[in-house]
Amino acid sequence: MKHLLLGIVMLTLSGCFGEEDRIYTVDELMADEVLLAKITSECRNNPGALRQTPNCQNAEAADWRVRLHLPRKSPGG
């Protein structure tokens, strides 16, 4: 019985931590326009709560780079 309850609790908690908790880099967001649009939209719809989150800051930077057509920074240079 203990193992069954422990298994149920673990499965329930594992659903709480998913792809939403992932922090995307500027380059990843620039490469995936659909993801960039999704995150940008969420951030603009709730700026008071989300403006300072890493994904919103990275999405804003990626959006500016895409709009200005700035090249990606190459590693080491």
PDB file of N, CA and C in Angstrom:
ATOM      1  N   MET A   1       0.819  -1.197   0.000  1.00  0.00           N
ATOM      2  CA  MET A   1       0.000   0.000   0.000  1.00  0.00           C
ATOM      3  C   MET A   1       0.867   1.268   0.000  1.00  0.00           C
ATOM      4  N   LYS A   2       1.966   1.222   0.771  1.00  0.00           N
ATOM      5  CA  LYS A   2       2.861   2.375   0.822  1.00  0.00           C
ATOM      6  C   LYS A   2       3.452   2.664  -0.558  1.00  0.00           C
ATOM      7  N   HIS A   3       3.820   1.605  -1.254  1.00  0.00           N
ATOM      8  CA  HIS A   3       4.441   1.773  -2.570  1.00  0.00           C
ATOM      9  C   HIS A   3       3.460   2.350  -3.584  1.00  0.00           C
ATOM     10  N   LEU A   4       2.215   1.930  -3.488  1.00  0.00           N
ATOM     11  CA  LEU A   4       1.186   2.455  -4.396  1.00  0.00           C
ATOM     12  C   LEU A   4       0.973   3.949  -4.147  1.00  0.00           C
ATOM     13  N   LEU A   5       0.874   4.340  -2.891  1.00  0.00           N
ATOM     14  CA  LEU A   5       0.697   5.751  -2.549  1.00  0.00           C
ATOM     15  C   LEU A   5       1.910   6.571  -2.970  1.00  0.00           C
ATOM     16  N   LEU A   6       3.096   6.043  -2.744  1.00  0.00           N
ATOM     17  CA  LEU A   6       4.320   6.735  -3.147  1.00  0.00           C
ATOM     18  C   LEU A   6       4.368   6.900  -4.668  1.00  0.00           C
ATOM     19  N   GLY A   7       3.979   5.872  -5.402  1.00  0.00           N
ATOM     20  CA  GLY A   7       3.956   5.932  -6.862  1.00  0.00           C
ATOM     21  C   GLY A   7       2.987   6.979  -7.365  1.00  0.00           C
ATOM     22  N   ILE A   8       1.815   7.061  -6.759  1.00  0.00           N
ATOM     23  CA  ILE A   8       0.809   8.048  -7.160  1.00  0.00           C
ATOM     24  C   ILE A   8       1.320   9.463  -6.893  1.00  0.00           C
ATOM     25  N   VAL A   9       1.942   9.680  -5.753  1.00  0.00           N
ATOM     26  CA  VAL A   9       2.479  11.000  -5.418  1.00  0.00           C
ATOM     27  C   VAL A   9       3.584  11.385  -6.399  1.00  0.00           C
ATOM     28  N   MET A  10       4.450  10.444  -6.729  1.00  0.00           N
ATOM     29  CA  MET A  10       5.551  10.741  -7.660  1.00  0.00           C
ATOM     30  C   MET A  10       5.016  11.070  -9.049  1.00  0.00           C
ATOM     31  N   LEU A  11       4.021  10.341  -9.514  1.00  0.00           N
ATOM     32  CA  LEU A  11       3.440  10.631 -10.823  1.00  0.00           C
ATOM     33  C   LEU A  11       2.747  11.982 -10.847  1.00  0.00           C
ATOM     34  N   THR A  12       2.082  12.312  -9.769  1.00  0.00           N
ATOM     35  CA  THR A  12       1.404  13.600  -9.687  1.00  0.00           C
ATOM     36  C   THR A  12       2.407  14.742  -9.713  1.00  0.00           C
ATOM     37  N   LEU A  13       3.475  14.615  -8.952  1.00  0.00           N
ATOM     38  CA  LEU A  13       4.482  15.673  -8.912  1.00  0.00           C
ATOM     39  C   LEU A  13       5.271  15.771 -10.207  1.00  0.00           C
ATOM     40  N   SER A  14       5.460  14.668 -10.893  1.00  0.00           N
ATOM     41  CA  SER A  14       6.219  14.724 -12.139  1.00  0.00           C
ATOM     42  C   SER A  14       5.477  15.530 -13.200  1.00  0.00           C
ATOM     43  N   GLY A  15       4.180  15.618 -13.117  1.00  0.00           N
ATOM     44  CA  GLY A  15       3.404  16.425 -14.049  1.00  0.00           C
ATOM     45  C   GLY A  15       3.560  17.915 -13.809  1.00  0.00           C
ATOM     46  N   CYS A  16       4.045  18.291 -12.654  1.00  0.00           N
ATOM     47  CA  CYS A  16       4.210  19.705 -12.317  1.00  0.00           C
ATOM     48  C   CYS A  16       5.464  20.302 -12.939  1.00  0.00           C
ATOM     49  N   PHE A  17       6.400  19.476 -13.284  1.00  0.00           N
ATOM     50  CA  PHE A  17       7.675  19.962 -13.808  1.00  0.00           C
ATOM     51  C   PHE A  17       7.821  19.470 -15.232  1.00  0.00           C
ATOM     52  N   GLY A  18       7.602  20.380 -16.161  1.00  0.00           N
ATOM     53  CA  GLY A  18       7.658  19.971 -17.552  1.00  0.00           C
ATOM     54  C   GLY A  18       8.398  20.962 -18.399  1.00  0.00           C
ATOM     55  N   GLU A  19       8.009  21.043 -19.643  1.00  0.00           N
ATOM     56  CA  GLU A  19       8.659  21.898 -20.628  1.00  0.00           C
ATOM     57  C   GLU A  19       8.484  23.379 -20.281  1.00  0.00           C
ATOM     58  N   GLU A  20       7.471  23.729 -19.522  1.00  0.00           N
ATOM     59  CA  GLU A  20       7.228  25.126 -19.172  1.00  0.00           C
ATOM     60  C   GLU A  20       8.343  25.705 -18.311  1.00  0.00           C
ATOM     61  N   ASP A  21       9.033  24.844 -17.561  1.00  0.00           N
ATOM     62  CA  ASP A  21      10.087  25.317 -16.675  1.00  0.00           C
ATOM     63  C   ASP A  21      11.418  25.497 -17.395  1.00  0.00           C
ATOM     64  N   ARG A  22      11.478  25.117 -18.637  1.00  0.00           N
ATOM     65  CA  ARG A  22      12.724  25.195 -19.392  1.00  0.00           C
ATOM     66  C   ARG A  22      13.020  26.641 -19.771  1.00  0.00           C
ATOM     67  N   ILE A  23      14.272  27.027 -19.666  1.00  0.00           N
ATOM     68  CA  ILE A  23      14.697  28.362 -20.074  1.00  0.00           C
ATOM     69  C   ILE A  23      15.367  28.235 -21.437  1.00  0.00           C
ATOM     70  N   TYR A  24      14.826  28.948 -22.405  1.00  0.00           N
ATOM     71  CA  TYR A  24      15.331  28.911 -23.770  1.00  0.00           C
ATOM     72  C   TYR A  24      16.361  30.021 -23.980  1.00  0.00           C
ATOM     73  N   THR A  25      17.381  29.725 -24.775  1.00  0.00           N
ATOM     74  CA  THR A  25      18.388  30.731 -25.095  1.00  0.00           C
ATOM     75  C   THR A  25      17.869  31.618 -26.228  1.00  0.00           C
ATOM     76  N   VAL A  26      18.543  32.736 -26.438  1.00  0.00           N
ATOM     77  CA  VAL A  26      18.171  33.655 -27.507  1.00  0.00           C
ATOM     78  C   VAL A  26      18.292  32.953 -28.855  1.00  0.00           C
ATOM     79  N   ASP A  27      19.361  32.196 -29.055  1.00  0.00           N
ATOM     80  CA  ASP A  27      19.555  31.490 -30.321  1.00  0.00           C
ATOM     81  C   ASP A  27      18.464  30.453 -30.572  1.00  0.00           C
ATOM     82  N   GLU A  28      18.054  29.729 -29.523  1.00  0.00           N
ATOM     83  CA  GLU A  28      16.976  28.748 -29.679  1.00  0.00           C
ATOM     84  C   GLU A  28      15.680  29.438 -30.091  1.00  0.00           C
ATOM     85  N   LEU A  29      15.406  30.572 -29.480  1.00  0.00           N
ATOM     86  CA  LEU A  29      14.176  31.295 -29.803  1.00  0.00           C
ATOM     87  C   LEU A  29      14.226  31.895 -31.202  1.00  0.00           C
ATOM     88  N   MET A  30      15.393  32.343 -31.630  1.00  0.00           N
ATOM     89  CA  MET A  30      15.518  32.884 -32.978  1.00  0.00           C
ATOM     90  C   MET A  30      15.311  31.787 -34.025  1.00  0.00           C
ATOM     91  N   ALA A  31      15.716  30.567 -33.694  1.00  0.00           N
ATOM     92  CA  ALA A  31      15.593  29.454 -34.627  1.00  0.00           C
ATOM     93  C   ALA A  31      14.169  28.922 -34.710  1.00  0.00           C
ATOM     94  N   ASP A  32      13.369  29.119 -33.674  1.00  0.00           N
ATOM     95  CA  ASP A  32      12.002  28.592 -33.640  1.00  0.00           C
ATOM     96  C   ASP A  32      11.017  29.754 -33.522  1.00  0.00           C
ATOM     97  N   GLU A  33      10.541  30.236 -34.647  1.00  0.00           N
ATOM     98  CA  GLU A  33       9.670  31.417 -34.659  1.00  0.00           C
ATOM     99  C   GLU A  33       8.331  31.175 -33.972  1.00  0.00           C
ATOM    100  N   VAL A  34       7.824  29.942 -34.035  1.00  0.00           N
ATOM    101  CA  VAL A  34       6.546  29.633 -33.380  1.00  0.00           C
ATOM    102  C   VAL A  34       6.703  29.728 -31.862  1.00  0.00           C
ATOM    103  N   LEU A  35       7.773  29.156 -31.345  1.00  0.00           N
ATOM    104  CA  LEU A  35       8.034  29.226 -29.903  1.00  0.00           C
ATOM    105  C   LEU A  35       8.273  30.669 -29.466  1.00  0.00           C
ATOM    106  N   LEU A  36       9.021  31.421 -30.265  1.00  0.00           N
ATOM    107  CA  LEU A  36       9.271  32.830 -29.957  1.00  0.00           C
ATOM    108  C   LEU A  36       7.964  33.608 -29.900  1.00  0.00           C
ATOM    109  N   ALA A  37       7.084  33.380 -30.860  1.00  0.00           N
ATOM    110  CA  ALA A  37       5.797  34.078 -30.865  1.00  0.00           C
ATOM    111  C   ALA A  37       4.943  33.696 -29.664  1.00  0.00           C
ATOM    112  N   LYS A  38       4.978  32.423 -29.281  1.00  0.00           N
ATOM    113  CA  LYS A  38       4.190  31.956 -28.133  1.00  0.00           C
ATOM    114  C   LYS A  38       4.671  32.617 -26.837  1.00  0.00           C
ATOM    115  N   ILE A  39       5.982  32.583 -26.613  1.00  0.00           N
ATOM    116  CA  ILE A  39       6.528  33.152 -25.377  1.00  0.00           C
ATOM    117  C   ILE A  39       6.346  34.671 -25.356  1.00  0.00           C
ATOM    118  N   THR A  40       6.580  35.324 -26.489  1.00  0.00           N
ATOM    119  CA  THR A  40       6.409  36.772 -26.564  1.00  0.00           C
ATOM    120  C   THR A  40       4.973  37.162 -26.267  1.00  0.00           C
ATOM    121  N   SER A  41       4.031  36.408 -26.808  1.00  0.00           N
ATOM    122  CA  SER A  41       2.615  36.688 -26.568  1.00  0.00           C
ATOM    123  C   SER A  41       2.261  36.533 -25.090  1.00  0.00           C
ATOM    124  N   GLU A  42       2.737  35.461 -24.471  1.00  0.00           N
ATOM    125  CA  GLU A  42       2.460  35.235 -23.049  1.00  0.00           C
ATOM    126  C   GLU A  42       3.054  36.364 -22.206  1.00  0.00           C
ATOM    127  N   CYS A  43       4.261  36.787 -22.548  1.00  0.00           N
ATOM    128  CA  CYS A  43       4.923  37.840 -21.772  1.00  0.00           C
ATOM    129  C   CYS A  43       4.208  39.182 -21.918  1.00  0.00           C
ATOM    130  N   ARG A  44       3.729  39.469 -23.119  1.00  0.00           N
ATOM    131  CA  ARG A  44       3.029  40.739 -23.352  1.00  0.00           C
ATOM    132  C   ARG A  44       1.637  40.745 -22.736  1.00  0.00           C
ATOM    133  N   ASN A  45       1.033  39.566 -22.586  1.00  0.00           N
ATOM    134  CA  ASN A  45      -0.293  39.485 -21.977  1.00  0.00           C
ATOM    135  C   ASN A  45      -0.242  39.606 -20.462  1.00  0.00           C
ATOM    136  N   ASN A  46       0.902  39.354 -19.848  1.00  0.00           N
ATOM    137  CA  ASN A  46       1.021  39.433 -18.394  1.00  0.00           C
ATOM    138  C   ASN A  46       2.392  40.004 -18.010  1.00  0.00           C
ATOM    139  N   PRO A  47       2.665  41.247 -18.386  1.00  0.00           N
ATOM    140  CA  PRO A  47       4.001  41.801 -18.136  1.00  0.00           C
ATOM    141  C   PRO A  47       4.328  41.998 -16.664  1.00  0.00           C
ATOM    142  N   GLY A  48       3.332  42.238 -15.842  1.00  0.00           N
ATOM    143  CA  GLY A  48       3.599  42.463 -14.417  1.00  0.00           C
ATOM    144  C   GLY A  48       4.195  41.246 -13.744  1.00  0.00           C
ATOM    145  N   ALA A  49       3.738  40.058 -14.130  1.00  0.00           N
ATOM    146  CA  ALA A  49       4.226  38.839 -13.499  1.00  0.00           C
ATOM    147  C   ALA A  49       5.373  38.196 -14.250  1.00  0.00           C
ATOM    148  N   LEU A  50       5.459  38.418 -15.566  1.00  0.00           N
ATOM    149  CA  LEU A  50       6.417  37.667 -16.367  1.00  0.00           C
ATOM    150  C   LEU A  50       7.579  38.472 -16.929  1.00  0.00           C
ATOM    151  N   ARG A  51       7.522  39.783 -16.864  1.00  0.00           N
ATOM    152  CA  ARG A  51       8.522  40.628 -17.535  1.00  0.00           C
ATOM    153  C   ARG A  51       9.961  40.287 -17.140  1.00  0.00           C
ATOM    154  N   GLN A  52      10.194  39.995 -15.892  1.00  0.00           N
ATOM    155  CA  GLN A  52      11.561  39.754 -15.413  1.00  0.00           C
ATOM    156  C   GLN A  52      11.988  38.291 -15.472  1.00  0.00           C
ATOM    157  N   THR A  53      11.170  37.414 -16.036  1.00  0.00           N
ATOM    158  CA  THR A  53      11.556  36.007 -16.129  1.00  0.00           C
ATOM    159  C   THR A  53      12.596  35.828 -17.231  1.00  0.00           C
ATOM    160  N   PRO A  54      13.470  34.844 -17.090  1.00  0.00           N
ATOM    161  CA  PRO A  54      14.512  34.636 -18.106  1.00  0.00           C
ATOM    162  C   PRO A  54      13.952  34.403 -19.511  1.00  0.00           C
ATOM    163  N   ASN A  55      12.872  33.623 -19.632  1.00  0.00           N
ATOM    164  CA  ASN A  55      12.323  33.367 -20.961  1.00  0.00           C
ATOM    165  C   ASN A  55      11.779  34.635 -21.609  1.00  0.00           C
ATOM    166  N   CYS A  56      11.165  35.506 -20.840  1.00  0.00           N
ATOM    167  CA  CYS A  56      10.644  36.751 -21.406  1.00  0.00           C
ATOM    168  C   CYS A  56      11.786  37.676 -21.822  1.00  0.00           C
ATOM    169  N   GLN A  57      12.817  37.740 -21.017  1.00  0.00           N
ATOM    170  CA  GLN A  57      13.958  38.580 -21.372  1.00  0.00           C
ATOM    171  C   GLN A  57      14.658  38.039 -22.615  1.00  0.00           C
ATOM    172  N   ASN A  58      14.822  36.723 -22.700  1.00  0.00           N
ATOM    173  CA  ASN A  58      15.456  36.129 -23.871  1.00  0.00           C
ATOM    174  C   ASN A  58      14.580  36.267 -25.109  1.00  0.00           C
ATOM    175  N   ALA A  59      13.272  36.146 -24.930  1.00  0.00           N
ATOM    176  CA  ALA A  59      12.360  36.305 -26.062  1.00  0.00           C
ATOM    177  C   ALA A  59      12.385  37.738 -26.580  1.00  0.00           C
ATOM    178  N   GLU A  60      12.469  38.696 -25.678  1.00  0.00           N
ATOM    179  CA  GLU A  60      12.541  40.094 -26.096  1.00  0.00           C
ATOM    180  C   GLU A  60      13.827  40.358 -26.887  1.00  0.00           C
ATOM    181  N   ALA A  61      14.939  39.810 -26.402  1.00  0.00           N
ATOM    182  CA  ALA A  61      16.214  39.982 -27.108  1.00  0.00           C
ATOM    183  C   ALA A  61      16.179  39.287 -28.471  1.00  0.00           C
ATOM    184  N   ALA A  62      15.613  38.099 -28.517  1.00  0.00           N
ATOM    185  CA  ALA A  62      15.519  37.367 -29.789  1.00  0.00           C
ATOM    186  C   ALA A  62      14.603  38.096 -30.762  1.00  0.00           C
ATOM    187  N   ASP A  63      13.520  38.649 -30.256  1.00  0.00           N
ATOM    188  CA  ASP A  63      12.586  39.382 -31.112  1.00  0.00           C
ATOM    189  C   ASP A  63      13.272  40.594 -31.733  1.00  0.00           C
ATOM    190  N   TRP A  64      14.056  41.318 -30.934  1.00  0.00           N
ATOM    191  CA  TRP A  64      14.779  42.479 -31.462  1.00  0.00           C
ATOM    192  C   TRP A  64      15.788  42.052 -32.519  1.00  0.00           C
ATOM    193  N   ARG A  65      16.497  40.976 -32.256  1.00  0.00           N
ATOM    194  CA  ARG A  65      17.487  40.512 -33.234  1.00  0.00           C
ATOM    195  C   ARG A  65      16.827  40.085 -34.543  1.00  0.00           C
ATOM    196  N   VAL A  66      15.698  39.398 -34.426  1.00  0.00           N
ATOM    197  CA  VAL A  66      14.984  38.966 -35.630  1.00  0.00           C
ATOM    198  C   VAL A  66      14.485  40.177 -36.405  1.00  0.00           C
ATOM    199  N   ARG A  67      13.930  41.145 -35.693  1.00  0.00           N
ATOM    200  CA  ARG A  67      13.406  42.346 -36.360  1.00  0.00           C
ATOM    201  C   ARG A  67      14.518  43.177 -37.009  1.00  0.00           C
ATOM    202  N   LEU A  68      15.668  43.234 -36.367  1.00  0.00           N
ATOM    203  CA  LEU A  68      16.777  44.022 -36.891  1.00  0.00           C
ATOM    204  C   LEU A  68      17.690  43.208 -37.806  1.00  0.00           C
ATOM    205  N   HIS A  69      17.389  41.913 -37.943  1.00  0.00           N
ATOM    206  CA  HIS A  69      18.170  41.009 -38.785  1.00  0.00           C
ATOM    207  C   HIS A  69      19.628  40.967 -38.364  1.00  0.00           C
ATOM    208  N   LEU A  70      19.853  40.990 -37.049  1.00  0.00           N
ATOM    209  CA  LEU A  70      21.217  40.906 -36.546  1.00  0.00           C
ATOM    210  C   LEU A  70      21.692  39.457 -36.629  1.00  0.00           C
ATOM    211  N   PRO A  71      22.907  39.246 -37.031  1.00  0.00           N
ATOM    212  CA  PRO A  71      23.416  37.879 -37.105  1.00  0.00           C
ATOM    213  C   PRO A  71      23.633  37.305 -35.705  1.00  0.00           C
ATOM    214  N   ARG A  72      23.601  36.006 -35.634  1.00  0.00           N
ATOM    215  CA  ARG A  72      23.886  35.356 -34.360  1.00  0.00           C
ATOM    216  C   ARG A  72      25.374  35.497 -34.072  1.00  0.00           C
ATOM    217  N   LYS A  73      25.692  35.619 -32.814  1.00  0.00           N
ATOM    218  CA  LYS A  73      27.091  35.750 -32.427  1.00  0.00           C
ATOM    219  C   LYS A  73      27.740  34.378 -32.510  1.00  0.00           C
ATOM    220  N   SER A  74      28.840  34.282 -33.242  1.00  0.00           N
ATOM    221  CA  SER A  74      29.510  33.003 -33.379  1.00  0.00           C
ATOM    222  C   SER A  74      30.360  32.715 -32.145  1.00  0.00           C
ATOM    223  N   PRO A  75      30.454  31.442 -31.777  1.00  0.00           N
ATOM    224  CA  PRO A  75      31.254  31.108 -30.591  1.00  0.00           C
ATOM    225  C   PRO A  75      32.714  31.476 -30.794  1.00  0.00           C
ATOM    226  N   GLY A  76      33.296  32.071 -29.811  1.00  0.00           N
ATOM    227  CA  GLY A  76      34.703  32.410 -29.854  1.00  0.00           C
ATOM    228  C   GLY A  76      35.051  33.624 -30.692  1.00  0.00           C
ATOM    229  N   GLY A  77      34.046  34.351 -31.121  1.00  0.00           N
ATOM    230  CA  GLY A  77      34.439  35.486 -31.929  1.00  0.00           C
ATOM    231  C   GLY A  77      33.441  36.520 -31.959  1.00  0.00           C
TER     232      GLY A  77
END
